[in-house]
Amino acid sequence: MTAEFVLDLDAGMLKYFRDMVNVLVEGCGISRPEVDAHTAVSRLPIQPIPLKDSPFWTLRE
């Protein structure tokens, strides 16, 4: 289970996170709502985990 948390960001950290969103949107093609901090995470679709031998896993056990 995940839980939301809120951070009070100073101007420098806010700029950093906005820059990171821009990289994800412009460089990786992720749509802005997917990286928006106000997205209702509980309403996002949940996909089943990949099979154990799937190439989508990037870490070994």
N, C-alpha and C. Protein backbone atom coordinates (compact mmCIF):
# COMPACT_ATOMS: atom_id res chain seq x y z
N MET A 1 0.84 -1.18 0.00
CA MET A 1 0.00 0.00 0.00
C MET A 1 0.89 1.24 0.00
N THR A 2 0.49 2.23 -0.73
CA THR A 2 1.25 3.47 -0.77
C THR A 2 0.45 4.56 -0.07
N ALA A 3 1.15 5.55 0.37
CA ALA A 3 0.51 6.68 1.02
C ALA A 3 1.10 7.96 0.46
N GLU A 4 0.27 8.97 0.33
CA GLU A 4 0.77 10.26 -0.13
C GLU A 4 1.46 10.98 1.01
N PHE A 5 2.38 11.82 0.67
CA PHE A 5 3.02 12.67 1.66
C PHE A 5 3.22 14.04 1.04
N VAL A 6 3.31 15.03 1.87
CA VAL A 6 3.46 16.41 1.40
C VAL A 6 4.74 16.98 1.99
N LEU A 7 5.51 17.61 1.13
CA LEU A 7 6.74 18.28 1.56
C LEU A 7 6.60 19.77 1.34
N ASP A 8 7.10 20.54 2.26
CA ASP A 8 7.22 21.98 2.03
C ASP A 8 8.55 22.20 1.32
N LEU A 9 8.48 22.64 0.06
CA LEU A 9 9.69 22.81 -0.73
C LEU A 9 10.11 24.26 -0.77
N ASP A 10 11.41 24.47 -0.65
CA ASP A 10 11.90 25.83 -0.85
C ASP A 10 11.96 26.10 -2.35
N ALA A 11 12.25 27.31 -2.74
CA ALA A 11 12.24 27.69 -4.16
C ALA A 11 13.20 26.85 -4.99
N GLY A 12 14.35 26.52 -4.45
CA GLY A 12 15.34 25.73 -5.18
C GLY A 12 14.85 24.31 -5.45
N MET A 13 14.26 23.68 -4.45
CA MET A 13 13.76 22.32 -4.64
C MET A 13 12.55 22.30 -5.56
N LEU A 14 11.69 23.31 -5.48
CA LEU A 14 10.54 23.40 -6.36
C LEU A 14 11.00 23.50 -7.82
N LYS A 15 12.04 24.31 -8.06
CA LYS A 15 12.59 24.44 -9.41
C LYS A 15 13.18 23.11 -9.87
N TYR A 16 13.88 22.42 -8.98
CA TYR A 16 14.47 21.13 -9.31
C TYR A 16 13.38 20.14 -9.76
N PHE A 17 12.32 20.02 -8.99
CA PHE A 17 11.26 19.08 -9.34
C PHE A 17 10.53 19.50 -10.62
N ARG A 18 10.36 20.78 -10.83
CA ARG A 18 9.74 21.23 -12.09
C ARG A 18 10.64 20.90 -13.27
N ASP A 19 11.94 21.07 -13.09
CA ASP A 19 12.89 20.71 -14.16
C ASP A 19 12.83 19.21 -14.44
N MET A 20 12.73 18.40 -13.39
CA MET A 20 12.64 16.95 -13.57
C MET A 20 11.37 16.57 -14.33
N VAL A 21 10.27 17.22 -14.03
CA VAL A 21 9.02 16.96 -14.76
C VAL A 21 9.20 17.31 -16.23
N ASN A 22 9.85 18.43 -16.50
CA ASN A 22 10.09 18.82 -17.89
C ASN A 22 10.94 17.79 -18.62
N VAL A 23 11.93 17.22 -17.97
CA VAL A 23 12.75 16.17 -18.58
C VAL A 23 11.89 14.96 -18.90
N LEU A 24 11.04 14.55 -17.96
CA LEU A 24 10.19 13.39 -18.19
C LEU A 24 9.19 13.64 -19.31
N VAL A 25 8.64 14.84 -19.37
CA VAL A 25 7.65 15.17 -20.38
C VAL A 25 8.30 15.35 -21.75
N GLU A 26 9.33 16.18 -21.81
CA GLU A 26 9.94 16.51 -23.10
C GLU A 26 10.92 15.45 -23.58
N GLY A 27 11.68 14.88 -22.67
CA GLY A 27 12.71 13.94 -23.07
C GLY A 27 12.26 12.50 -23.14
N CYS A 28 11.29 12.14 -22.32
CA CYS A 28 10.87 10.73 -22.25
C CYS A 28 9.47 10.49 -22.81
N GLY A 29 8.76 11.56 -23.14
CA GLY A 29 7.44 11.41 -23.74
C GLY A 29 6.34 11.05 -22.76
N ILE A 30 6.59 11.23 -21.47
CA ILE A 30 5.55 10.95 -20.47
C ILE A 30 4.61 12.14 -20.44
N SER A 31 3.31 11.88 -20.41
CA SER A 31 2.37 13.00 -20.40
C SER A 31 2.41 13.71 -19.05
N ARG A 32 2.17 14.99 -19.07
CA ARG A 32 2.27 15.79 -17.85
C ARG A 32 1.37 15.29 -16.72
N PRO A 33 0.12 14.88 -17.00
CA PRO A 33 -0.69 14.39 -15.88
C PRO A 33 -0.09 13.18 -15.16
N GLU A 34 0.73 12.39 -15.86
CA GLU A 34 1.34 11.23 -15.22
C GLU A 34 2.41 11.62 -14.22
N VAL A 35 2.97 12.81 -14.36
CA VAL A 35 4.00 13.25 -13.42
C VAL A 35 3.54 14.41 -12.55
N ASP A 36 2.27 14.76 -12.65
CA ASP A 36 1.72 15.86 -11.86
C ASP A 36 1.58 15.42 -10.41
N ALA A 37 2.05 16.23 -9.50
CA ALA A 37 2.00 15.89 -8.07
C ALA A 37 0.58 15.80 -7.55
N HIS A 38 -0.38 16.32 -8.28
CA HIS A 38 -1.76 16.29 -7.79
C HIS A 38 -2.58 15.17 -8.41
N THR A 39 -1.93 14.23 -9.07
CA THR A 39 -2.63 13.09 -9.65
C THR A 39 -3.20 12.23 -8.53
N ALA A 40 -4.45 11.84 -8.66
CA ALA A 40 -5.06 10.95 -7.68
C ALA A 40 -4.54 9.54 -7.93
N VAL A 41 -3.50 9.16 -7.22
CA VAL A 41 -2.83 7.88 -7.43
C VAL A 41 -3.80 6.72 -7.28
N SER A 42 -4.75 6.83 -6.39
CA SER A 42 -5.69 5.73 -6.16
C SER A 42 -6.58 5.47 -7.37
N ARG A 43 -6.65 6.41 -8.32
CA ARG A 43 -7.50 6.24 -9.50
C ARG A 43 -6.74 5.75 -10.71
N LEU A 44 -5.43 5.59 -10.60
CA LEU A 44 -4.63 5.11 -11.72
C LEU A 44 -4.84 3.61 -11.90
N PRO A 45 -4.80 3.13 -13.14
CA PRO A 45 -4.98 1.69 -13.35
C PRO A 45 -3.78 0.91 -12.82
N ILE A 46 -4.03 -0.25 -12.29
CA ILE A 46 -2.97 -1.11 -11.75
C ILE A 46 -2.80 -2.28 -12.70
N GLN A 47 -1.57 -2.48 -13.14
CA GLN A 47 -1.25 -3.57 -14.06
C GLN A 47 -0.70 -4.74 -13.25
N PRO A 48 -0.91 -5.95 -13.71
CA PRO A 48 -0.32 -7.10 -13.01
C PRO A 48 1.21 -7.06 -13.14
N ILE A 49 1.88 -7.65 -12.18
CA ILE A 49 3.34 -7.66 -12.24
C ILE A 49 3.80 -8.54 -13.40
N PRO A 50 4.98 -8.25 -13.97
CA PRO A 50 5.49 -9.09 -15.06
C PRO A 50 5.83 -10.49 -14.54
N LEU A 51 5.88 -11.44 -15.44
CA LEU A 51 6.28 -12.80 -15.06
C LEU A 51 7.70 -12.77 -14.52
N LYS A 52 8.02 -13.76 -13.71
CA LYS A 52 9.34 -13.79 -13.04
C LYS A 52 10.51 -13.73 -14.03
N ASP A 53 10.39 -14.37 -15.20
CA ASP A 53 11.49 -14.38 -16.17
C ASP A 53 11.34 -13.29 -17.23
N SER A 54 10.47 -12.31 -16.98
CA SER A 54 10.23 -11.24 -17.94
C SER A 54 11.45 -10.32 -18.08
N PRO A 55 11.72 -9.81 -19.30
CA PRO A 55 12.83 -8.87 -19.48
C PRO A 55 12.54 -7.49 -18.89
N PHE A 56 11.32 -7.27 -18.41
CA PHE A 56 10.99 -5.97 -17.83
C PHE A 56 11.57 -5.78 -16.44
N TRP A 57 11.95 -6.85 -15.78
CA TRP A 57 12.58 -6.71 -14.48
C TRP A 57 13.99 -6.21 -14.67
N THR A 58 14.38 -5.22 -13.89
CA THR A 58 15.73 -4.64 -14.02
C THR A 58 16.64 -5.03 -12.86
N LEU A 59 16.06 -5.61 -11.82
CA LEU A 59 16.85 -6.02 -10.66
C LEU A 59 16.72 -7.53 -10.48
N ARG A 60 17.79 -8.13 -10.05
CA ARG A 60 17.75 -9.57 -9.76
C ARG A 60 17.36 -9.76 -8.31
N GLU A 61 16.88 -10.97 -8.02
CA GLU A 61 16.50 -11.27 -6.64
C GLU A 61 17.71 -11.32 -5.74
